[in-house]
């Protein structure tokens, strides 16, 4: 699994005219599922995200997690994170998981993140054409991949 994590002041996802998820200060997580991912990948990634110390403490140092600041998490499915341009300029999506694998792992991640956070997470709508708006705070953006485990 691959996640692009952005520290945000606010973020919102809409599908058509309907808001599917919205948060104030917290993390926007764009989540891609690889065709070879397993529940172990989801467990590793989703245990790490809420503990990332990327929010400022009283001294202005990044020492606090989204849990520490009682922030929100918005999770948006993003198969395009596994786009490959190795053979030209039109991306190939061969490494992205098919929906029958991706949806259960996405749902597992959302449930685990909610459990780690201690409250529900906001979400987009899997497979829908979504409009994502955000105010990136910092900006602070990280990319974490369960295959690299860095």
N, C-alpha and C. Protein backbone atom coordinates (compact mmCIF):
# COMPACT_ATOMS: atom_id res chain seq x y z
N UNK A 1 0.85 -1.17 0.00
CA UNK A 1 0.00 0.00 0.00
C UNK A 1 0.89 1.23 0.00
N UNK A 2 0.38 2.24 -0.64
CA UNK A 2 1.10 3.50 -0.72
C UNK A 2 0.16 4.60 -0.24
N UNK A 3 0.71 5.47 0.61
CA UNK A 3 -0.09 6.58 1.12
C UNK A 3 0.66 7.88 0.94
N UNK A 4 -0.03 8.87 0.43
CA UNK A 4 0.45 10.24 0.43
C UNK A 4 -0.30 10.92 1.57
N UNK A 5 0.44 11.40 2.55
CA UNK A 5 -0.14 11.94 3.77
C UNK A 5 0.16 13.43 3.81
N UNK A 6 -0.88 14.23 3.91
CA UNK A 6 -0.72 15.67 3.97
C UNK A 6 -1.29 16.20 5.28
N UNK A 7 -0.47 17.00 5.97
CA UNK A 7 -0.97 17.68 7.16
C UNK A 7 -1.81 18.85 6.67
N UNK A 8 -3.05 18.91 7.13
CA UNK A 8 -3.97 19.92 6.62
C UNK A 8 -4.60 20.74 7.74
N UNK A 9 -4.97 21.97 7.38
CA UNK A 9 -5.80 22.78 8.26
C UNK A 9 -7.26 22.37 8.09
N UNK A 10 -7.59 21.95 6.85
CA UNK A 10 -8.93 21.44 6.55
C UNK A 10 -8.87 20.68 5.23
N UNK A 11 -9.82 19.76 5.05
CA UNK A 11 -9.92 19.00 3.80
C UNK A 11 -11.36 18.53 3.64
N UNK A 12 -11.75 18.39 2.37
CA UNK A 12 -13.13 17.99 2.06
C UNK A 12 -13.14 17.20 0.76
N UNK A 13 -14.02 16.21 0.69
CA UNK A 13 -14.24 15.43 -0.53
C UNK A 13 -15.71 15.54 -0.90
N UNK A 14 -15.96 15.85 -2.17
CA UNK A 14 -17.33 15.86 -2.67
C UNK A 14 -17.44 14.93 -3.86
N UNK A 15 -18.61 14.33 -3.99
CA UNK A 15 -18.99 13.53 -5.15
C UNK A 15 -20.26 14.18 -5.69
N UNK A 16 -20.14 14.79 -6.85
CA UNK A 16 -21.26 15.58 -7.36
C UNK A 16 -21.48 16.76 -6.43
N UNK A 17 -22.71 16.91 -5.94
CA UNK A 17 -23.03 17.99 -5.01
C UNK A 17 -22.99 17.54 -3.55
N UNK A 18 -22.59 16.29 -3.31
CA UNK A 18 -22.65 15.70 -1.96
C UNK A 18 -21.26 15.65 -1.32
N UNK A 19 -21.15 16.17 -0.09
CA UNK A 19 -19.91 16.07 0.68
C UNK A 19 -19.88 14.67 1.30
N UNK A 20 -18.83 13.91 0.99
CA UNK A 20 -18.72 12.55 1.56
C UNK A 20 -17.84 12.52 2.78
N UNK A 21 -16.92 13.48 2.89
CA UNK A 21 -16.03 13.52 4.04
C UNK A 21 -15.43 14.90 4.20
N UNK A 22 -15.24 15.29 5.46
CA UNK A 22 -14.70 16.62 5.74
C UNK A 22 -14.05 16.61 7.11
N UNK A 23 -12.88 17.27 7.20
CA UNK A 23 -12.19 17.39 8.49
C UNK A 23 -11.66 18.81 8.65
N UNK A 24 -11.37 19.15 9.89
CA UNK A 24 -10.62 20.36 10.20
C UNK A 24 -9.15 19.97 10.25
N UNK A 25 -8.41 20.48 11.23
CA UNK A 25 -6.99 20.13 11.33
C UNK A 25 -6.80 18.61 11.45
N UNK A 26 -5.82 18.11 10.71
CA UNK A 26 -5.54 16.67 10.75
C UNK A 26 -4.76 16.22 9.54
N UNK A 27 -5.09 15.00 9.08
CA UNK A 27 -4.36 14.37 7.99
C UNK A 27 -5.29 14.00 6.84
N UNK A 28 -4.90 14.37 5.64
CA UNK A 28 -5.53 13.86 4.43
C UNK A 28 -4.65 12.72 3.96
N UNK A 29 -5.24 11.53 3.81
CA UNK A 29 -4.50 10.34 3.39
C UNK A 29 -5.03 9.89 2.04
N UNK A 30 -4.20 10.03 1.00
CA UNK A 30 -4.51 9.47 -0.31
C UNK A 30 -3.94 8.07 -0.31
N UNK A 31 -4.79 7.06 -0.49
CA UNK A 31 -4.40 5.67 -0.26
C UNK A 31 -4.53 4.83 -1.53
N UNK A 32 -3.40 4.26 -1.95
CA UNK A 32 -3.39 3.37 -3.10
C UNK A 32 -3.11 1.94 -2.67
N UNK A 33 -3.80 0.99 -3.29
CA UNK A 33 -3.64 -0.42 -2.97
C UNK A 33 -2.96 -1.11 -4.15
N UNK A 34 -1.86 -1.82 -3.88
CA UNK A 34 -1.11 -2.56 -4.89
C UNK A 34 -1.76 -3.93 -5.10
N UNK A 35 -1.62 -4.46 -6.29
CA UNK A 35 -2.25 -5.74 -6.62
C UNK A 35 -1.76 -6.90 -5.75
N UNK A 36 -0.58 -6.77 -5.12
CA UNK A 36 -0.06 -7.84 -4.25
C UNK A 36 -0.19 -7.53 -2.77
N UNK A 37 -0.91 -6.49 -2.41
CA UNK A 37 -1.05 -6.13 -1.01
C UNK A 37 -1.89 -7.16 -0.25
N UNK A 38 -1.60 -7.23 1.05
CA UNK A 38 -2.28 -8.16 1.95
C UNK A 38 -2.78 -7.39 3.16
N UNK A 39 -3.58 -8.03 4.01
CA UNK A 39 -3.98 -7.37 5.25
C UNK A 39 -2.80 -6.94 6.12
N UNK A 40 -1.66 -7.63 6.01
CA UNK A 40 -0.47 -7.24 6.77
C UNK A 40 0.03 -5.87 6.33
N UNK A 41 -0.04 -5.59 5.02
CA UNK A 41 0.34 -4.26 4.53
C UNK A 41 -0.56 -3.19 5.12
N UNK A 42 -1.85 -3.47 5.14
CA UNK A 42 -2.82 -2.51 5.71
C UNK A 42 -2.55 -2.30 7.19
N UNK A 43 -2.30 -3.37 7.93
CA UNK A 43 -2.07 -3.27 9.37
C UNK A 43 -0.82 -2.44 9.66
N UNK A 44 0.25 -2.69 8.92
CA UNK A 44 1.50 -1.95 9.15
C UNK A 44 1.31 -0.46 8.87
N UNK A 45 0.75 -0.16 7.72
CA UNK A 45 0.59 1.23 7.31
C UNK A 45 -0.35 1.99 8.25
N UNK A 46 -1.46 1.37 8.59
CA UNK A 46 -2.48 2.06 9.39
C UNK A 46 -2.13 2.13 10.87
N UNK A 47 -1.16 1.35 11.31
CA UNK A 47 -0.65 1.52 12.67
C UNK A 47 0.32 2.70 12.73
N UNK A 48 1.00 2.96 11.61
CA UNK A 48 2.01 4.01 11.56
C UNK A 48 1.42 5.42 11.40
N UNK A 49 0.43 5.55 10.53
CA UNK A 49 -0.08 6.88 10.16
C UNK A 49 -0.53 7.70 11.37
N UNK A 50 -1.38 7.18 12.25
CA UNK A 50 -1.85 8.03 13.36
C UNK A 50 -0.76 8.41 14.36
N UNK A 51 0.36 7.70 14.33
CA UNK A 51 1.44 7.96 15.28
C UNK A 51 2.50 8.91 14.73
N UNK A 52 2.38 9.29 13.45
CA UNK A 52 3.38 10.18 12.86
C UNK A 52 3.42 11.50 13.62
N UNK A 53 4.59 11.87 14.09
CA UNK A 53 4.75 13.10 14.87
C UNK A 53 5.10 14.23 13.92
N UNK A 54 4.07 14.79 13.29
CA UNK A 54 4.28 15.85 12.29
C UNK A 54 3.49 17.12 12.61
N UNK A 55 2.98 17.21 13.83
CA UNK A 55 2.30 18.41 14.28
C UNK A 55 3.17 19.09 15.34
N UNK A 56 3.15 20.41 15.33
CA UNK A 56 4.00 21.17 16.23
C UNK A 56 3.57 21.07 17.69
N UNK A 57 4.57 21.02 18.56
CA UNK A 57 4.31 21.12 20.00
C UNK A 57 4.41 22.59 20.40
N UNK A 58 4.42 22.86 21.69
CA UNK A 58 4.46 24.23 22.19
C UNK A 58 5.74 24.97 21.80
N UNK A 59 6.82 24.25 21.52
CA UNK A 59 8.09 24.86 21.13
C UNK A 59 8.25 24.96 19.60
N UNK A 60 7.21 24.59 18.86
CA UNK A 60 7.27 24.66 17.42
C UNK A 60 7.99 23.49 16.77
N UNK A 61 8.24 22.44 17.52
CA UNK A 61 8.90 21.23 17.01
C UNK A 61 7.84 20.20 16.62
N UNK A 62 8.09 19.46 15.54
CA UNK A 62 7.16 18.41 15.13
C UNK A 62 7.30 17.22 16.09
N UNK A 63 6.50 17.23 17.13
CA UNK A 63 6.55 16.19 18.16
C UNK A 63 5.18 15.60 18.49
N UNK A 64 4.13 16.08 17.84
CA UNK A 64 2.79 15.62 18.19
C UNK A 64 2.16 14.90 17.01
N UNK A 65 1.35 13.91 17.33
CA UNK A 65 0.64 13.13 16.31
C UNK A 65 -0.77 13.67 16.14
N UNK A 66 -1.47 13.16 15.14
CA UNK A 66 -2.87 13.53 14.93
C UNK A 66 -3.71 13.11 16.13
N UNK A 67 -3.33 12.03 16.79
CA UNK A 67 -4.03 11.59 18.00
C UNK A 67 -3.81 12.62 19.10
N UNK A 68 -2.57 13.07 19.25
CA UNK A 68 -2.23 14.04 20.30
C UNK A 68 -2.99 15.35 20.16
N UNK A 69 -3.23 15.78 18.92
CA UNK A 69 -3.91 17.07 18.71
C UNK A 69 -5.42 16.92 18.58
N UNK A 70 -5.92 15.68 18.73
CA UNK A 70 -7.34 15.37 18.54
C UNK A 70 -7.81 15.82 17.16
N UNK A 71 -6.96 15.56 16.17
CA UNK A 71 -7.27 15.93 14.79
C UNK A 71 -8.08 14.87 14.07
N UNK A 72 -8.45 15.18 12.86
CA UNK A 72 -9.22 14.25 12.04
C UNK A 72 -8.35 13.58 10.99
N UNK A 73 -8.88 12.53 10.41
CA UNK A 73 -8.24 11.86 9.28
C UNK A 73 -9.29 11.70 8.19
N UNK A 74 -8.92 12.09 6.98
CA UNK A 74 -9.76 11.91 5.80
C UNK A 74 -9.01 10.98 4.86
N UNK A 75 -9.62 9.84 4.52
CA UNK A 75 -8.99 8.82 3.68
C UNK A 75 -9.68 8.81 2.32
N UNK A 76 -8.87 8.95 1.26
CA UNK A 76 -9.39 8.98 -0.10
C UNK A 76 -8.68 7.90 -0.91
N UNK A 77 -9.45 7.00 -1.51
CA UNK A 77 -8.86 5.96 -2.35
C UNK A 77 -8.23 6.60 -3.58
N UNK A 78 -7.05 6.10 -3.98
CA UNK A 78 -6.30 6.75 -5.05
C UNK A 78 -5.48 5.71 -5.82
N UNK A 79 -6.14 4.97 -6.72
CA UNK A 79 -5.44 3.93 -7.48
C UNK A 79 -4.32 4.51 -8.34
N UNK A 80 -4.41 5.80 -8.67
CA UNK A 80 -3.41 6.41 -9.54
C UNK A 80 -2.03 6.52 -8.87
N UNK A 81 -1.95 6.28 -7.56
CA UNK A 81 -0.65 6.26 -6.90
C UNK A 81 0.23 5.13 -7.42
N UNK A 82 -0.38 4.15 -8.09
CA UNK A 82 0.38 3.05 -8.69
C UNK A 82 0.47 3.18 -10.21
N UNK A 83 0.33 4.39 -10.71
CA UNK A 83 0.52 4.63 -12.14
C UNK A 83 1.99 4.53 -12.50
N UNK A 84 2.29 3.87 -13.60
CA UNK A 84 3.67 3.74 -14.07
C UNK A 84 3.80 4.41 -15.43
N UNK A 85 4.84 5.22 -15.57
CA UNK A 85 5.13 5.85 -16.86
C UNK A 85 6.45 5.31 -17.44
N UNK A 86 6.80 4.11 -17.03
CA UNK A 86 8.05 3.49 -17.45
C UNK A 86 8.16 3.36 -18.97
N UNK A 87 7.04 3.08 -19.64
CA UNK A 87 7.07 2.84 -21.08
C UNK A 87 6.50 4.00 -21.89
N UNK A 88 6.60 5.20 -21.40
CA UNK A 88 6.10 6.33 -22.16
C UNK A 88 5.45 7.36 -21.28
N UNK A 89 4.47 8.06 -21.84
CA UNK A 89 3.84 9.14 -21.10
C UNK A 89 2.40 8.87 -20.73
N UNK A 90 1.83 7.77 -21.22
CA UNK A 90 0.47 7.39 -20.80
C UNK A 90 0.60 6.37 -19.67
N UNK A 91 0.15 6.73 -18.47
CA UNK A 91 0.35 5.82 -17.33
C UNK A 91 -0.34 4.46 -17.52
N UNK A 92 0.34 3.46 -16.99
CA UNK A 92 -0.23 2.11 -16.90
C UNK A 92 -0.68 1.92 -15.45
N UNK A 93 -1.82 1.29 -15.28
CA UNK A 93 -2.36 1.06 -13.93
C UNK A 93 -2.24 -0.41 -13.54
N UNK A 94 -1.37 -1.18 -14.18
CA UNK A 94 -1.26 -2.62 -13.95
C UNK A 94 -0.93 -2.99 -12.52
N UNK A 95 -0.22 -2.13 -11.79
CA UNK A 95 0.15 -2.46 -10.42
C UNK A 95 -0.94 -2.14 -9.40
N UNK A 96 -1.93 -1.38 -9.81
CA UNK A 96 -3.04 -1.06 -8.90
C UNK A 96 -3.93 -2.28 -8.72
N UNK A 97 -4.40 -2.48 -7.51
CA UNK A 97 -5.27 -3.62 -7.21
C UNK A 97 -6.63 -3.46 -7.88
N UNK A 98 -7.22 -4.56 -8.28
CA UNK A 98 -8.58 -4.58 -8.79
C UNK A 98 -9.53 -4.31 -7.62
N UNK A 99 -10.72 -3.80 -7.89
CA UNK A 99 -11.66 -3.46 -6.81
C UNK A 99 -11.95 -4.61 -5.84
N UNK A 100 -12.00 -5.84 -6.32
CA UNK A 100 -12.32 -6.95 -5.41
C UNK A 100 -11.26 -7.15 -4.32
N UNK A 101 -10.03 -6.71 -4.55
CA UNK A 101 -9.00 -6.73 -3.52
C UNK A 101 -8.90 -5.37 -2.84
N UNK A 102 -8.96 -4.31 -3.63
CA UNK A 102 -8.73 -2.96 -3.10
C UNK A 102 -9.81 -2.51 -2.12
N UNK A 103 -11.06 -2.78 -2.42
CA UNK A 103 -12.15 -2.30 -1.55
C UNK A 103 -12.05 -2.88 -0.14
N UNK A 104 -11.90 -4.21 0.02
CA UNK A 104 -11.78 -4.73 1.39
C UNK A 104 -10.56 -4.19 2.14
N UNK A 105 -9.42 -3.99 1.43
CA UNK A 105 -8.24 -3.45 2.11
C UNK A 105 -8.42 -1.98 2.45
N UNK A 106 -9.07 -1.23 1.58
CA UNK A 106 -9.39 0.17 1.87
C UNK A 106 -10.30 0.25 3.11
N UNK A 107 -11.34 -0.58 3.13
CA UNK A 107 -12.26 -0.61 4.28
C UNK A 107 -11.53 -1.00 5.56
N UNK A 108 -10.62 -1.97 5.46
CA UNK A 108 -9.83 -2.39 6.61
C UNK A 108 -8.99 -1.24 7.14
N UNK A 109 -8.37 -0.50 6.23
CA UNK A 109 -7.55 0.66 6.63
C UNK A 109 -8.40 1.70 7.34
N UNK A 110 -9.55 2.01 6.78
CA UNK A 110 -10.42 3.01 7.40
C UNK A 110 -10.83 2.58 8.80
N UNK A 111 -11.17 1.31 8.96
CA UNK A 111 -11.56 0.79 10.28
C UNK A 111 -10.39 0.83 11.26
N UNK A 112 -9.20 0.43 10.80
CA UNK A 112 -8.05 0.44 11.70
C UNK A 112 -7.65 1.86 12.07
N UNK A 113 -7.67 2.77 11.11
CA UNK A 113 -7.35 4.17 11.42
C UNK A 113 -8.34 4.74 12.43
N UNK A 114 -9.61 4.40 12.28
CA UNK A 114 -10.63 4.87 13.23
C UNK A 114 -10.35 4.31 14.62
N UNK A 115 -9.97 3.04 14.70
CA UNK A 115 -9.67 2.42 15.99
C UNK A 115 -8.44 3.09 16.63
N UNK A 116 -7.41 3.34 15.84
CA UNK A 116 -6.19 3.98 16.35
C UNK A 116 -6.47 5.42 16.78
N UNK A 117 -7.34 6.09 16.04
CA UNK A 117 -7.67 7.49 16.31
C UNK A 117 -8.64 7.62 17.48
N UNK A 118 -9.47 6.60 17.68
CA UNK A 118 -10.45 6.64 18.76
C UNK A 118 -11.76 7.29 18.36
N UNK A 119 -11.95 7.49 17.06
CA UNK A 119 -13.19 8.07 16.55
C UNK A 119 -13.26 7.78 15.04
N UNK A 120 -14.41 7.95 14.42
CA UNK A 120 -14.53 7.65 12.99
C UNK A 120 -13.61 8.53 12.14
N UNK A 121 -13.20 7.98 11.00
CA UNK A 121 -12.47 8.77 10.01
C UNK A 121 -13.44 9.18 8.92
N UNK A 122 -13.13 10.29 8.28
CA UNK A 122 -13.92 10.74 7.13
C UNK A 122 -13.37 10.02 5.89
N UNK A 123 -14.21 9.83 4.89
CA UNK A 123 -13.77 9.12 3.70
C UNK A 123 -14.31 9.77 2.43
N UNK A 124 -13.68 9.39 1.35
CA UNK A 124 -14.22 9.67 0.03
C UNK A 124 -15.17 8.53 -0.31
N UNK A 125 -15.38 8.30 -1.59
CA UNK A 125 -16.25 7.21 -2.05
C UNK A 125 -15.46 6.39 -3.05
N UNK A 126 -15.16 5.16 -2.70
CA UNK A 126 -14.31 4.31 -3.53
C UNK A 126 -14.86 4.23 -4.95
N UNK A 127 -13.99 4.47 -5.92
CA UNK A 127 -14.35 4.33 -7.33
C UNK A 127 -15.11 5.49 -7.94
N UNK A 128 -15.46 6.48 -7.14
CA UNK A 128 -16.23 7.62 -7.65
C UNK A 128 -15.29 8.70 -8.17
N UNK A 129 -15.82 9.56 -9.02
CA UNK A 129 -15.10 10.76 -9.44
C UNK A 129 -15.27 11.76 -8.31
N UNK A 130 -14.17 12.05 -7.62
CA UNK A 130 -14.23 12.88 -6.43
C UNK A 130 -13.51 14.21 -6.66
N UNK A 131 -13.98 15.21 -5.98
CA UNK A 131 -13.31 16.50 -5.92
C UNK A 131 -12.74 16.63 -4.51
N UNK A 132 -11.43 16.75 -4.42
CA UNK A 132 -10.76 16.85 -3.13
C UNK A 132 -10.22 18.27 -2.99
N UNK A 133 -10.60 18.93 -1.92
CA UNK A 133 -10.05 20.25 -1.65
C UNK A 133 -9.38 20.21 -0.29
N UNK A 134 -8.30 20.98 -0.16
CA UNK A 134 -7.56 20.96 1.09
C UNK A 134 -6.77 22.23 1.26
N UNK A 135 -6.46 22.52 2.50
CA UNK A 135 -5.52 23.57 2.83
C UNK A 135 -4.36 22.85 3.50
N UNK A 136 -3.26 22.70 2.74
CA UNK A 136 -2.08 22.00 3.24
C UNK A 136 -1.41 22.90 4.28
N UNK A 137 -1.12 22.32 5.44
CA UNK A 137 -0.57 23.07 6.56
C UNK A 137 0.94 22.86 6.62
N UNK A 138 1.69 23.87 6.25
CA UNK A 138 3.14 23.78 6.33
C UNK A 138 3.82 24.33 5.09
N UNK A 139 3.76 23.67 3.97
CA UNK A 139 3.13 22.37 3.74
C UNK A 139 3.97 21.22 4.30
N UNK A 140 3.28 20.19 4.73
CA UNK A 140 3.91 18.95 5.20
C UNK A 140 3.26 17.81 4.44
N UNK A 141 4.06 17.09 3.65
CA UNK A 141 3.56 15.97 2.85
C UNK A 141 4.57 14.83 2.93
N UNK A 142 4.09 13.62 3.22
CA UNK A 142 4.93 12.43 3.29
C UNK A 142 4.36 11.35 2.36
N UNK A 143 5.25 10.50 1.86
CA UNK A 143 4.84 9.33 1.11
C UNK A 143 5.36 8.11 1.86
N UNK A 144 4.46 7.18 2.18
CA UNK A 144 4.84 5.96 2.90
C UNK A 144 4.35 4.77 2.08
N UNK A 145 5.22 3.78 1.93
CA UNK A 145 4.90 2.60 1.14
C UNK A 145 5.15 1.36 2.00
N UNK A 146 4.13 0.51 2.11
CA UNK A 146 4.26 -0.69 2.96
C UNK A 146 5.28 -1.68 2.40
N UNK A 147 5.61 -1.59 1.13
CA UNK A 147 6.62 -2.49 0.53
C UNK A 147 8.03 -2.07 0.91
N UNK A 148 8.22 -0.78 1.17
CA UNK A 148 9.56 -0.28 1.52
C UNK A 148 9.78 -0.28 3.03
N UNK A 149 8.72 -0.08 3.78
CA UNK A 149 8.75 -0.05 5.25
C UNK A 149 9.84 0.84 5.79
N UNK A 150 9.94 2.03 5.24
CA UNK A 150 10.93 3.02 5.70
C UNK A 150 10.35 3.93 6.73
